[in-house]
C-alpha atoms as a PDB file:
ATOM      1  CA  MET A   1      23.307  -6.812 -39.674  1.00  0.00           C
ATOM      2  CA  ILE A   2      23.768  -6.157 -36.460  1.00  0.00           C
ATOM      3  CA  GLY A   3      22.497  -3.425 -36.023  1.00  0.00           C
ATOM      4  CA  LEU A   4      18.700  -4.416 -37.351  1.00  0.00           C
ATOM      5  CA  ASP A   5      19.240  -7.068 -34.304  1.00  0.00           C
ATOM      6  CA  THR A   6      20.111  -4.620 -31.765  1.00  0.00           C
ATOM      7  CA  ALA A   7      17.065  -2.363 -32.533  1.00  0.00           C
ATOM      8  CA  SER A   8      14.870  -5.215 -32.830  1.00  0.00           C
ATOM      9  CA  ILE A   9      15.905  -6.021 -29.288  1.00  0.00           C
ATOM     10  CA  SER A  10      15.230  -2.993 -28.312  1.00  0.00           C
ATOM     11  CA  GLU A  11      12.308  -2.490 -29.160  1.00  0.00           C
ATOM     12  CA  PHE A  12      10.818  -5.446 -28.133  1.00  0.00           C
ATOM     13  CA  ALA A  13      12.349  -4.183 -24.556  1.00  0.00           C
ATOM     14  CA  ILE A  14      10.197  -1.044 -24.829  1.00  0.00           C
ATOM     15  CA  VAL A  15       6.774  -3.228 -26.354  1.00  0.00           C
ATOM     16  CA  VAL A  16       7.325  -4.484 -22.687  1.00  0.00           C
ATOM     17  CA  ALA A  17       7.704  -2.298 -21.096  1.00  0.00           C
ATOM     18  CA  GLY A  18       4.711   0.046 -22.079  1.00  0.00           C
ATOM     19  CA  PHE A  19       2.181  -3.067 -21.684  1.00  0.00           C
ATOM     20  CA  ALA A  20       3.118  -3.591 -17.973  1.00  0.00           C
ATOM     21  CA  GLY A  21       2.640   0.305 -17.646  1.00  0.00           C
ATOM     22  CA  LEU A  22      -0.801  -0.160 -19.229  1.00  0.00           C
ATOM     23  CA  ILE A  23      -1.584  -2.603 -16.962  1.00  0.00           C
ATOM     24  CA  VAL A  24      -0.184  -0.731 -13.857  1.00  0.00           C
ATOM     25  CA  ALA A  25      -2.241   1.954 -14.904  1.00  0.00           C
ATOM     26  CA  VAL A  26      -5.616  -0.325 -15.672  1.00  0.00           C
ATOM     27  CA  ALA A  27      -5.195  -2.033 -12.120  1.00  0.00           C
ATOM     28  CA  GLN A  28      -4.399   1.680 -10.039  1.00  0.00           C
ATOM     29  CA  ARG A  29      -7.186   3.125 -11.423  1.00  0.00           C
ATOM     30  CA  GLY A  30      -9.130   1.189  -8.677  1.00  0.00           C
ATOM     31  CA  GLY A  31      -6.994   2.764  -5.851  1.00  0.00           C
ATOM     32  CA  ARG A  32      -3.398   1.859  -4.930  1.00  0.00           C
ATOM     33  CA  VAL A  33      -1.114  -0.285  -6.486  1.00  0.00           C
ATOM     34  CA  HIS A  34      -0.362  -3.462  -4.556  1.00  0.00           C
ATOM     35  CA  PRO A  35       3.281  -3.490  -3.463  1.00  0.00           C
ATOM     36  CA  LEU A  36       3.917  -6.939  -5.146  1.00  0.00           C
ATOM     37  CA  ASP A  37       2.968  -5.821  -8.698  1.00  0.00           C
ATOM     38  CA  ARG A  38       4.710  -2.404  -7.432  1.00  0.00           C
ATOM     39  CA  TYR A  39       8.395  -4.553  -7.139  1.00  0.00           C
ATOM     40  CA  ARG A  40       7.671  -6.754  -9.503  1.00  0.00           C
ATOM     41  CA  MET A  41       6.703  -3.852 -12.536  1.00  0.00           C
ATOM     42  CA  VAL A  42      10.170  -1.896 -11.081  1.00  0.00           C
ATOM     43  CA  THR A  43      11.754  -5.180 -12.038  1.00  0.00           C
ATOM     44  CA  MET A  44      10.451  -6.001 -14.973  1.00  0.00           C
ATOM     45  CA  LEU A  45      11.144  -2.262 -16.023  1.00  0.00           C
ATOM     46  CA  LEU A  46      14.675  -3.156 -14.809  1.00  0.00           C
ATOM     47  CA  TYR A  47      15.104  -5.846 -17.042  1.00  0.00           C
ATOM     48  CA  ALA A  48      13.186  -4.538 -20.357  1.00  0.00           C
ATOM     49  CA  PHE A  49      15.374  -1.416 -19.475  1.00  0.00           C
ATOM     50  CA  THR A  50      18.607  -2.765 -19.688  1.00  0.00           C
ATOM     51  CA  ALA A  51      17.744  -4.641 -23.198  1.00  0.00           C
ATOM     52  CA  ALA A  52      16.700  -1.387 -24.659  1.00  0.00           C
ATOM     53  CA  PHE A  53      19.803   0.268 -23.823  1.00  0.00           C
ATOM     54  CA  GLY A  54      22.380  -2.676 -23.759  1.00  0.00           C
ATOM     55  CA  ALA A  55      21.348  -2.740 -27.406  1.00  0.00           C
ATOM     56  CA  LEU A  56      22.403   0.588 -27.585  1.00  0.00           C
ATOM     57  CA  LEU A  57      25.611  -0.226 -26.115  1.00  0.00           C
ATOM     58  CA  PRO A  58      27.559  -1.713 -29.949  1.00  0.00           C
ATOM     59  CA  SER A  59      26.496   1.439 -31.008  1.00  0.00           C
ATOM     60  CA  ILE A  60      27.371   3.009 -28.638  1.00  0.00           C
ATOM     61  CA  MET A  61      31.239   2.012 -28.660  1.00  0.00           C
ATOM     62  CA  ARG A  62      31.197   2.572 -32.957  1.00  0.00           C
ATOM     63  CA  SER A  63      30.923   6.223 -32.398  1.00  0.00           C
ATOM     64  CA  PHE A  64      33.944   6.413 -30.084  1.00  0.00           C
ATOM     65  CA  GLY A  65      35.790   4.415 -32.944  1.00  0.00           C
ATOM     66  CA  ILE A  66      35.685   1.066 -31.232  1.00  0.00           C
ATOM     67  CA  ASP A  67      35.499  -1.760 -34.233  1.00  0.00           C
ATOM     68  CA  GLY A  68      35.200  -5.400 -34.876  1.00  0.00           C
ATOM     69  CA  ASP A  69      35.461  -7.596 -32.136  1.00  0.00           C
ATOM     70  CA  GLU A  70      36.313  -5.127 -29.560  1.00  0.00           C
ATOM     71  CA  VAL A  71      32.381  -3.638 -29.929  1.00  0.00           C
ATOM     72  CA  TRP A  72      30.725  -6.933 -28.353  1.00  0.00           C
ATOM     73  CA  ARG A  73      33.615  -7.387 -25.265  1.00  0.00           C
ATOM     74  CA  GLN A  74      33.469  -3.421 -24.451  1.00  0.00           C
ATOM     75  CA  SER A  75      29.745  -3.632 -25.549  1.00  0.00           C
ATOM     76  CA  GLY A  76      29.602  -6.980 -23.266  1.00  0.00           C
ATOM     77  CA  LEU A  77      31.625  -5.016 -19.749  1.00  0.00           C
ATOM     78  CA  GLY A  78      28.238  -3.003 -20.043  1.00  0.00           C
ATOM     79  CA  LEU A  79      25.867  -5.151 -20.317  1.00  0.00           C
ATOM     80  CA  ALA A  80      27.756  -6.607 -17.828  1.00  0.00           C
ATOM     81  CA  LEU A  81      28.350  -3.354 -15.530  1.00  0.00           C
ATOM     82  CA  LEU A  82      23.654  -3.131 -16.382  1.00  0.00           C
ATOM     83  CA  ILE A  83      23.009  -6.588 -14.834  1.00  0.00           C
ATOM     84  CA  THR A  84      24.720  -5.904 -11.806  1.00  0.00           C
ATOM     85  CA  ALA A  85      23.086  -2.992 -10.837  1.00  0.00           C
ATOM     86  CA  ASN A  86      20.310  -4.600 -11.554  1.00  0.00           C
ATOM     87  CA  LEU A  87      20.575  -7.999  -9.202  1.00  0.00           C
ATOM     88  CA  LEU A  88      21.866  -5.151  -6.501  1.00  0.00           C
ATOM     89  CA  GLY A  89      18.890  -2.766  -7.048  1.00  0.00           C
ATOM     90  CA  THR A  90      16.325  -5.539  -6.882  1.00  0.00           C
ATOM     91  CA  GLN A  91      17.436  -6.557  -3.893  1.00  0.00           C
ATOM     92  CA  LEU A  92      17.683  -3.348  -2.031  1.00  0.00           C
ATOM     93  CA  TYR A  93      13.880  -2.829  -2.989  1.00  0.00           C
ATOM     94  CA  GLN A  94      12.378  -5.537  -2.251  1.00  0.00           C
ATOM     95  CA  ARG A  95      13.354  -4.399   1.538  1.00  0.00           C
ATOM     96  CA  ILE A  96      10.743  -2.319   1.113  1.00  0.00           C
ATOM     97  CA  LEU A  97       7.611  -5.358   0.979  1.00  0.00           C
ATOM     98  CA  THR A  98       6.979  -7.043   4.612  1.00  0.00           C
ATOM     99  CA  ASP A  99       7.750 -10.567   5.210  1.00  0.00           C
ATOM    100  CA  ASP A 100       4.194 -12.053   4.708  1.00  0.00           C
ATOM    101  CA  GLN A 101       4.623 -10.628   0.660  1.00  0.00           C
ATOM    102  CA  ARG A 102       7.745 -11.130   0.016  1.00  0.00           C
ATOM    103  CA  GLY A 103       7.180 -14.933   0.920  1.00  0.00           C
ATOM    104  CA  GLN A 104       4.729 -14.586  -2.616  1.00  0.00           C
ATOM    105  CA  LEU A 105       7.959 -14.350  -4.166  1.00  0.00           C
ATOM    106  CA  ARG A 106       9.161 -17.184  -6.036  1.00  0.00           C
ATOM    107  CA  TRP A 107      12.573 -19.546  -4.798  1.00  0.00           C
ATOM    108  CA  TRP A 108      12.408 -20.244  -8.879  1.00  0.00           C
ATOM    109  CA  MET A 109      12.172 -16.615  -9.814  1.00  0.00           C
ATOM    110  CA  PHE A 110      14.471 -15.982  -7.407  1.00  0.00           C
ATOM    111  CA  ALA A 111      16.663 -18.632  -9.100  1.00  0.00           C
ATOM    112  CA  LEU A 112      16.382 -17.902 -12.919  1.00  0.00           C
ATOM    113  CA  VAL A 113      17.662 -14.438 -12.046  1.00  0.00           C
ATOM    114  CA  VAL A 114      20.376 -14.821 -10.062  1.00  0.00           C
ATOM    115  CA  VAL A 115      21.625 -18.215 -11.130  1.00  0.00           C
ATOM    116  CA  GLY A 116      20.765 -16.959 -14.492  1.00  0.00           C
ATOM    117  CA  ASN A 117      22.365 -13.424 -14.572  1.00  0.00           C
ATOM    118  CA  GLY A 118      25.247 -14.447 -12.575  1.00  0.00           C
ATOM    119  CA  ALA A 119      26.736 -16.945 -14.865  1.00  0.00           C
ATOM    120  CA  LEU A 120      26.219 -14.154 -17.682  1.00  0.00           C
ATOM    121  CA  ILE A 121      27.692 -11.611 -15.459  1.00  0.00           C
ATOM    122  CA  LEU A 122      30.622 -14.188 -14.967  1.00  0.00           C
ATOM    123  CA  TRP A 123      30.089 -14.958 -19.529  1.00  0.00           C
ATOM    124  CA  LEU A 124      30.820 -11.194 -20.184  1.00  0.00           C
ATOM    125  CA  PHE A 125      34.191 -10.471 -17.868  1.00  0.00           C
ATOM    126  CA  GLY A 126      35.768 -14.080 -19.319  1.00  0.00           C
ATOM    127  CA  ASN A 127      34.601 -12.416 -22.627  1.00  0.00           C
ATOM    128  CA  PHE A 128      35.711  -9.368 -21.945  1.00  0.00           C
ATOM    129  CA  THR A 129      39.231 -10.411 -20.523  1.00  0.00           C
ATOM    130  CA  GLY A 130      39.901 -13.072 -23.682  1.00  0.00           C
ATOM    131  CA  LEU A 131      39.748 -15.557 -21.749  1.00  0.00           C
ATOM    132  CA  LEU A 132      36.960 -17.566 -23.069  1.00  0.00           C
ATOM    133  CA  PRO A 133      36.493 -18.703 -26.652  1.00  0.00           C
ATOM    134  CA  GLY A 134      33.955 -18.373 -28.771  1.00  0.00           C
ATOM    135  CA  PRO A 135      32.174 -15.873 -31.036  1.00  0.00           C
ATOM    136  CA  ALA A 136      32.387 -12.395 -29.322  1.00  0.00           C
ATOM    137  CA  SER A 137      29.722 -11.088 -30.174  1.00  0.00           C
ATOM    138  CA  ALA A 138      27.949 -14.984 -27.994  1.00  0.00           C
ATOM    139  CA  PRO A 139      27.095 -13.501 -24.656  1.00  0.00           C
ATOM    140  CA  TYR A 140      26.526 -10.167 -25.477  1.00  0.00           C
ATOM    141  CA  PHE A 141      23.485 -11.261 -27.740  1.00  0.00           C
ATOM    142  CA  CYS A 142      22.725 -14.258 -24.902  1.00  0.00           C
ATOM    143  CA  GLY A 143      22.743 -11.852 -22.096  1.00  0.00           C
ATOM    144  CA  LEU A 144      20.175  -8.891 -23.593  1.00  0.00           C
ATOM    145  CA  VAL A 145      18.318 -12.414 -25.172  1.00  0.00           C
ATOM    146  CA  TRP A 146      18.499 -13.651 -21.629  1.00  0.00           C
ATOM    147  CA  GLN A 147      17.263 -10.156 -20.192  1.00  0.00           C
ATOM    148  CA  LEU A 148      14.299 -10.345 -21.863  1.00  0.00           C
ATOM    149  CA  VAL A 149      13.240 -13.865 -21.033  1.00  0.00           C
ATOM    150  CA  LEU A 150      13.187 -12.557 -18.125  1.00  0.00           C
ATOM    151  CA  ALA A 151      10.573  -9.297 -18.388  1.00  0.00           C
ATOM    152  CA  THR A 152       8.630 -11.592 -20.363  1.00  0.00           C
ATOM    153  CA  ILE A 153       8.169 -13.636 -17.236  1.00  0.00           C
ATOM    154  CA  LEU A 154       7.994 -10.693 -14.480  1.00  0.00           C
ATOM    155  CA  PHE A 155       5.272  -9.290 -17.502  1.00  0.00           C
ATOM    156  CA  VAL A 156       3.219 -12.481 -16.675  1.00  0.00           C
ATOM    157  CA  ARG A 157       3.151 -12.734 -13.484  1.00  0.00           C
ATOM    158  CA  LEU A 158       2.182  -9.586 -12.728  1.00  0.00           C
ATOM    159  CA  ILE A 159      -0.543 -10.454 -14.640  1.00  0.00           C
ATOM    160  CA  VAL A 160      -1.583 -14.033 -14.338  1.00  0.00           C
ATOM    161  CA  VAL A 161       0.286 -14.245 -10.271  1.00  0.00           C
ATOM    162  CA  GLU A 162      -2.768 -13.349  -7.270  1.00  0.00           C
ATOM    163  CA  ARG A 163      -1.899 -12.442  -4.408  1.00  0.00           C
ATOM    164  CA  THR A 164      -2.982 -13.641  -0.822  1.00  0.00           C
ATOM    165  CA  ASP A 165      -3.266  -9.907   1.231  1.00  0.00           C
ATOM    166  CA  ALA A 166      -4.444  -6.728   0.477  1.00  0.00           C
ATOM    167  CA  ALA A 167      -2.094  -3.696  -0.183  1.00  0.00           C
END
């Protein structure tokens, strides 16, 4: 049953990434892709692929003979590392934007990403160390779903948000 759950998460993440690629390809037909669209696309892909590849972690753990609750703790640690890399990557990638373009990024989206992922990283590390009670799989699955939520929000923003400057 759990294998089917993680496969579904992986499939959904790949679908979101594929649709975003289609949107950018259509937008690019008219010329260059706007830097804000490129930033949203890259950020969305990071979160979609984190969910997609993160969903494969339990299978990888099992292939190394890890079983039971330890599968979820180890998978959660891997997911926490992926999320941490994403946070760093998106902050570094943001530097290619001009001040005006950065000004168009919304504070609430930044808060969702930083606060949500920060809380998840702490939860995943706490679960890995055994300091937090509860089902070992809960932080892992919540982390995957949160990455999908972020990717989906970014996908919608890629489609509906208007920019106020030229590329």
